[in-house]
C-alpha atoms as a PDB file:
ATOM      1  CA  MET A   1      42.281 -67.492  97.545  1.00  0.00           C
ATOM      2  CA  MET A   2      39.603 -67.963  94.887  1.00  0.00           C
ATOM      3  CA  GLY A   3      37.085 -70.693  95.604  1.00  0.00           C
ATOM      4  CA  LEU A   4      35.424 -72.988  93.121  1.00  0.00           C
ATOM      5  CA  GLY A   5      32.321 -70.815  93.388  1.00  0.00           C
ATOM      6  CA  ASN A   6      34.067 -68.292  91.136  1.00  0.00           C
ATOM      7  CA  ILE A   7      34.456 -70.712  88.230  1.00  0.00           C
ATOM      8  CA  GLN A   8      31.913 -70.284  85.462  1.00  0.00           C
ATOM      9  CA  ASN A   9      31.444 -70.449  81.734  1.00  0.00           C
ATOM     10  CA  CYS A  10      32.088 -67.270  79.788  1.00  0.00           C
ATOM     11  CA  PRO A  11      28.714 -65.989  78.568  1.00  0.00           C
ATOM     12  CA  ARG A  12      30.333 -64.860  75.329  1.00  0.00           C
ATOM     13  CA  CYS A  13      32.421 -67.876  74.232  1.00  0.00           C
ATOM     14  CA  GLY A  14      31.481 -70.634  76.671  1.00  0.00           C
ATOM     15  CA  LYS A  15      35.017 -71.288  77.955  1.00  0.00           C
ATOM     16  CA  ILE A  16      35.469 -71.997  81.655  1.00  0.00           C
ATOM     17  CA  PHE A  17      37.181 -69.183  83.557  1.00  0.00           C
ATOM     18  CA  VAL A  18      37.606 -67.833  87.069  1.00  0.00           C
ATOM     19  CA  LYS A  19      35.196 -64.938  87.409  1.00  0.00           C
ATOM     20  CA  GLY A  20      36.618 -61.841  88.984  1.00  0.00           C
ATOM     21  CA  ILE A  21      35.667 -58.262  88.257  1.00  0.00           C
ATOM     22  CA  LYS A  22      34.944 -58.957  84.593  1.00  0.00           C
ATOM     23  CA  GLU A  23      31.858 -60.847  83.442  1.00  0.00           C
ATOM     24  CA  VAL A  24      33.722 -62.537  80.567  1.00  0.00           C
ATOM     25  CA  CYS A  25      36.926 -64.559  80.203  1.00  0.00           C
ATOM     26  CA  PRO A  26      40.246 -62.731  79.640  1.00  0.00           C
ATOM     27  CA  THR A  27      40.287 -63.625  75.934  1.00  0.00           C
ATOM     28  CA  CYS A  28      36.793 -62.210  75.358  1.00  0.00           C
ATOM     29  CA  ASN A  29      37.638 -59.175  77.483  1.00  0.00           C
ATOM     30  CA  ARG A  30      40.572 -58.407  75.174  1.00  0.00           C
ATOM     31  CA  GLU A  31      38.309 -58.868  72.146  1.00  0.00           C
ATOM     32  CA  ILE A  32      35.729 -56.487  73.626  1.00  0.00           C
ATOM     33  CA  ASP A  33      38.448 -53.907  74.288  1.00  0.00           C
ATOM     34  CA  GLU A  34      39.628 -54.269  70.672  1.00  0.00           C
ATOM     35  CA  GLU A  35      36.026 -53.882  69.428  1.00  0.00           C
ATOM     36  CA  TYR A  36      35.645 -50.757  71.539  1.00  0.00           C
ATOM     37  CA  GLN A  37      38.835 -49.294  70.094  1.00  0.00           C
ATOM     38  CA  ARG A  38      37.701 -50.028  66.521  1.00  0.00           C
ATOM     39  CA  CYS A  39      34.422 -48.221  67.242  1.00  0.00           C
ATOM     40  CA  VAL A  40      36.144 -45.208  68.800  1.00  0.00           C
ATOM     41  CA  ASP A  41      38.641 -44.983  65.931  1.00  0.00           C
ATOM     42  CA  TYR A  42      35.868 -45.113  63.332  1.00  0.00           C
ATOM     43  CA  ILE A  43      33.690 -42.574  65.176  1.00  0.00           C
ATOM     44  CA  ARG A  44      36.617 -40.157  65.476  1.00  0.00           C
ATOM     45  CA  ASP A  45      36.601 -39.700  61.690  1.00  0.00           C
ATOM     46  CA  ASN A  46      32.870 -40.235  61.064  1.00  0.00           C
ATOM     47  CA  LYS A  47      30.726 -38.113  63.403  1.00  0.00           C
ATOM     48  CA  LEU A  48      27.558 -38.656  61.342  1.00  0.00           C
ATOM     49  CA  VAL A  49      27.727 -42.453  61.532  1.00  0.00           C
ATOM     50  CA  ASN A  50      24.628 -44.447  62.462  1.00  0.00           C
ATOM     51  CA  MET A  51      24.508 -47.725  64.385  1.00  0.00           C
ATOM     52  CA  TYR A  52      24.219 -49.967  61.306  1.00  0.00           C
ATOM     53  CA  VAL A  53      27.126 -48.397  59.419  1.00  0.00           C
ATOM     54  CA  LEU A  54      29.274 -48.426  62.562  1.00  0.00           C
ATOM     55  CA  SER A  55      28.524 -52.111  63.050  1.00  0.00           C
ATOM     56  CA  ASP A  56      29.199 -52.963  59.396  1.00  0.00           C
ATOM     57  CA  GLU A  57      32.422 -50.979  59.183  1.00  0.00           C
ATOM     58  CA  THR A  58      33.904 -52.160  62.499  1.00  0.00           C
ATOM     59  CA  LYS A  59      32.492 -55.721  62.491  1.00  0.00           C
ATOM     60  CA  VAL A  60      31.178 -55.084  66.026  1.00  0.00           C
ATOM     61  CA  SER A  61      27.657 -56.274  66.803  1.00  0.00           C
ATOM     62  CA  ILE A  62      24.878 -53.755  67.365  1.00  0.00           C
ATOM     63  CA  LYS A  63      24.294 -55.411  70.738  1.00  0.00           C
ATOM     64  CA  GLN A  64      27.911 -54.751  71.773  1.00  0.00           C
ATOM     65  CA  ILE A  65      27.889 -51.155  70.504  1.00  0.00           C
ATOM     66  CA  THR A  66      24.635 -50.572  72.412  1.00  0.00           C
ATOM     67  CA  LYS A  67      26.314 -51.959  75.528  1.00  0.00           C
ATOM     68  CA  PHE A  68      29.243 -49.549  75.049  1.00  0.00           C
ATOM     69  CA  ILE A  69      26.755 -46.657  74.884  1.00  0.00           C
ATOM     70  CA  LYS A  70      24.766 -47.794  77.929  1.00  0.00           C
ATOM     71  CA  GLU A  71      27.992 -48.270  79.906  1.00  0.00           C
ATOM     72  CA  GLY A  72      29.012 -44.725  78.991  1.00  0.00           C
ATOM     73  CA  ARG A  73      32.099 -45.882  77.098  1.00  0.00           C
ATOM     74  CA  ILE A  74      30.761 -44.336  73.884  1.00  0.00           C
ATOM     75  CA  SER A  75      29.048 -40.974  74.284  1.00  0.00           C
ATOM     76  CA  VAL A  76      26.360 -40.094  71.753  1.00  0.00           C
ATOM     77  CA  ALA A  77      26.414 -36.404  72.725  1.00  0.00           C
ATOM     78  CA  ASP A  78      28.281 -35.316  69.590  1.00  0.00           C
ATOM     79  CA  LEU A  79      26.970 -38.123  67.383  1.00  0.00           C
ATOM     80  CA  PRO A  80      23.513 -37.042  66.177  1.00  0.00           C
ATOM     81  CA  GLU A  81      22.861 -40.171  64.082  1.00  0.00           C
ATOM     82  CA  LEU A  82      23.974 -42.776  66.631  1.00  0.00           C
ATOM     83  CA  THR A  83      20.910 -44.321  68.255  1.00  0.00           C
ATOM     84  CA  TYR A  84      19.883 -47.755  69.493  1.00  0.00           C
ATOM     85  CA  PRO A  85      16.455 -49.408  69.777  1.00  0.00           C
ATOM     86  CA  CYS A  86      14.024 -48.937  72.677  1.00  0.00           C
ATOM     87  CA  GLU A  87      13.838 -52.241  74.568  1.00  0.00           C
ATOM     88  CA  SER A  88      10.046 -52.215  74.354  1.00  0.00           C
ATOM     89  CA  CYS A  89       9.041 -50.972  70.894  1.00  0.00           C
ATOM     90  CA  GLY A  90      12.316 -50.704  68.959  1.00  0.00           C
ATOM     91  CA  GLU A  91      12.023 -46.944  68.359  1.00  0.00           C
ATOM     92  CA  PRO A  92      15.479 -45.307  68.009  1.00  0.00           C
ATOM     93  CA  ILE A  93      16.667 -43.720  71.284  1.00  0.00           C
ATOM     94  CA  ARG A  94      19.846 -42.049  72.507  1.00  0.00           C
ATOM     95  CA  GLU A  95      19.703 -42.811  76.235  1.00  0.00           C
ATOM     96  CA  GLY A  96      18.179 -45.182  78.752  1.00  0.00           C
ATOM     97  CA  LYS A  97      16.279 -48.341  77.918  1.00  0.00           C
ATOM     98  CA  LEU A  98      12.888 -46.990  76.866  1.00  0.00           C
ATOM     99  CA  CYS A  99      11.706 -44.258  74.516  1.00  0.00           C
ATOM    100  CA  LYS A 100       9.592 -41.413  75.921  1.00  0.00           C
ATOM    101  CA  SER A 101       6.358 -42.969  74.661  1.00  0.00           C
ATOM    102  CA  CYS A 102       7.039 -46.311  76.365  1.00  0.00           C
ATOM    103  CA  ARG A 103       8.193 -44.591  79.591  1.00  0.00           C
ATOM    104  CA  ASP A 104       5.013 -42.497  79.619  1.00  0.00           C
ATOM    105  CA  ARG A 105       2.857 -45.575  79.001  1.00  0.00           C
ATOM    106  CA  LEU A 106       4.615 -47.451  81.822  1.00  0.00           C
ATOM    107  CA  GLU A 107       4.262 -44.530  84.248  1.00  0.00           C
ATOM    108  CA  LYS A 108       0.571 -44.171  83.373  1.00  0.00           C
ATOM    109  CA  GLY A 109       0.006 -47.892  83.999  1.00  0.00           C
ATOM    110  CA  ILE A 110       1.741 -47.714  87.362  1.00  0.00           C
ATOM    111  CA  LYS A 111      -0.283 -44.653  88.405  1.00  0.00           C
ATOM    112  CA  GLN A 112      -3.523 -46.336  87.346  1.00  0.00           C
ATOM    113  CA  ALA A 113      -2.642 -49.470  89.310  1.00  0.00           C
ATOM    114  CA  ILE A 114      -1.879 -47.416  92.420  1.00  0.00           C
ATOM    115  CA  GLU A 115      -5.117 -45.449  92.054  1.00  0.00           C
ATOM    116  CA  LYS A 116      -7.161 -48.597  91.468  1.00  0.00           C
ATOM    117  CA  HIS A 117      -5.750 -50.601  94.339  1.00  0.00           C
ATOM    118  CA  GLY A 118      -4.700 -47.753  96.609  1.00  0.00           C
ATOM    119  CA  PRO A 119      -2.455 -48.155  99.596  1.00  0.00           C
ATOM    120  CA  ASN A 120      -4.402 -50.255 102.090  1.00  0.00           C
ATOM    121  CA  GLU A 121      -3.330 -52.664 104.794  1.00  0.00           C
ATOM    122  CA  GLU A 122      -4.508 -55.826 103.020  1.00  0.00           C
ATOM    123  CA  THR A 123      -2.683 -55.245  99.716  1.00  0.00           C
ATOM    124  CA  ASN A 124       0.534 -54.183 101.472  1.00  0.00           C
ATOM    125  CA  LYS A 125       0.873 -57.276 103.671  1.00  0.00           C
ATOM    126  CA  GLY A 126       4.184 -58.991 103.135  1.00  0.00           C
ATOM    127  CA  ILE A 127       5.612 -56.106 101.130  1.00  0.00           C
ATOM    128  CA  GLY A 128       8.421 -54.058 102.536  1.00  0.00           C
ATOM    129  CA  PHE A 129       9.347 -53.600 106.171  1.00  0.00           C
ATOM    130  CA  ARG A 130       6.911 -54.541 108.927  1.00  0.00           C
ATOM    131  CA  ARG A 131       7.459 -52.695 112.168  1.00  0.00           C
ATOM    132  CA  ASP A 132       5.361 -55.146 114.207  1.00  0.00           C
ATOM    133  CA  PHE A 133       7.966 -57.811 113.421  1.00  0.00           C
ATOM    134  CA  LEU A 134      10.471 -55.938 115.609  1.00  0.00           C
ATOM    135  CA  ASP A 135       8.011 -55.452 118.456  1.00  0.00           C
ATOM    136  CA  LYS A 136       7.637 -59.196 119.101  1.00  0.00           C
ATOM    137  CA  ASP A 137       9.871 -60.854 121.665  1.00  0.00           C
END
């Protein structure tokens, strides 16, 4: 039995629906499936398509096409011109969320923060698992 806790507004159209496995209402889910099929059909005949042409020709948003790629529904392996923007700088990428430059910059920042603050008892309090918590009666 589905409880009222599963009722929500569809993030795509705003209609109220009972949330199950899908994040959107059944109507929007069908529309997304149709958009996916339009993209796949267009790509089948146009291997050198880029994101903007694919969006224009299929009337599917760049955001939705990017989601298809990130979900693995559309593979860019044989589509050399199909890229989407890095979530940080907007540079065209073919996988993940960040381009190599932004990943490198993030990794460098993390390493510098670890080196600067180092692992010591005071900065690690309250983070992670504390063994002494189990030792108390």
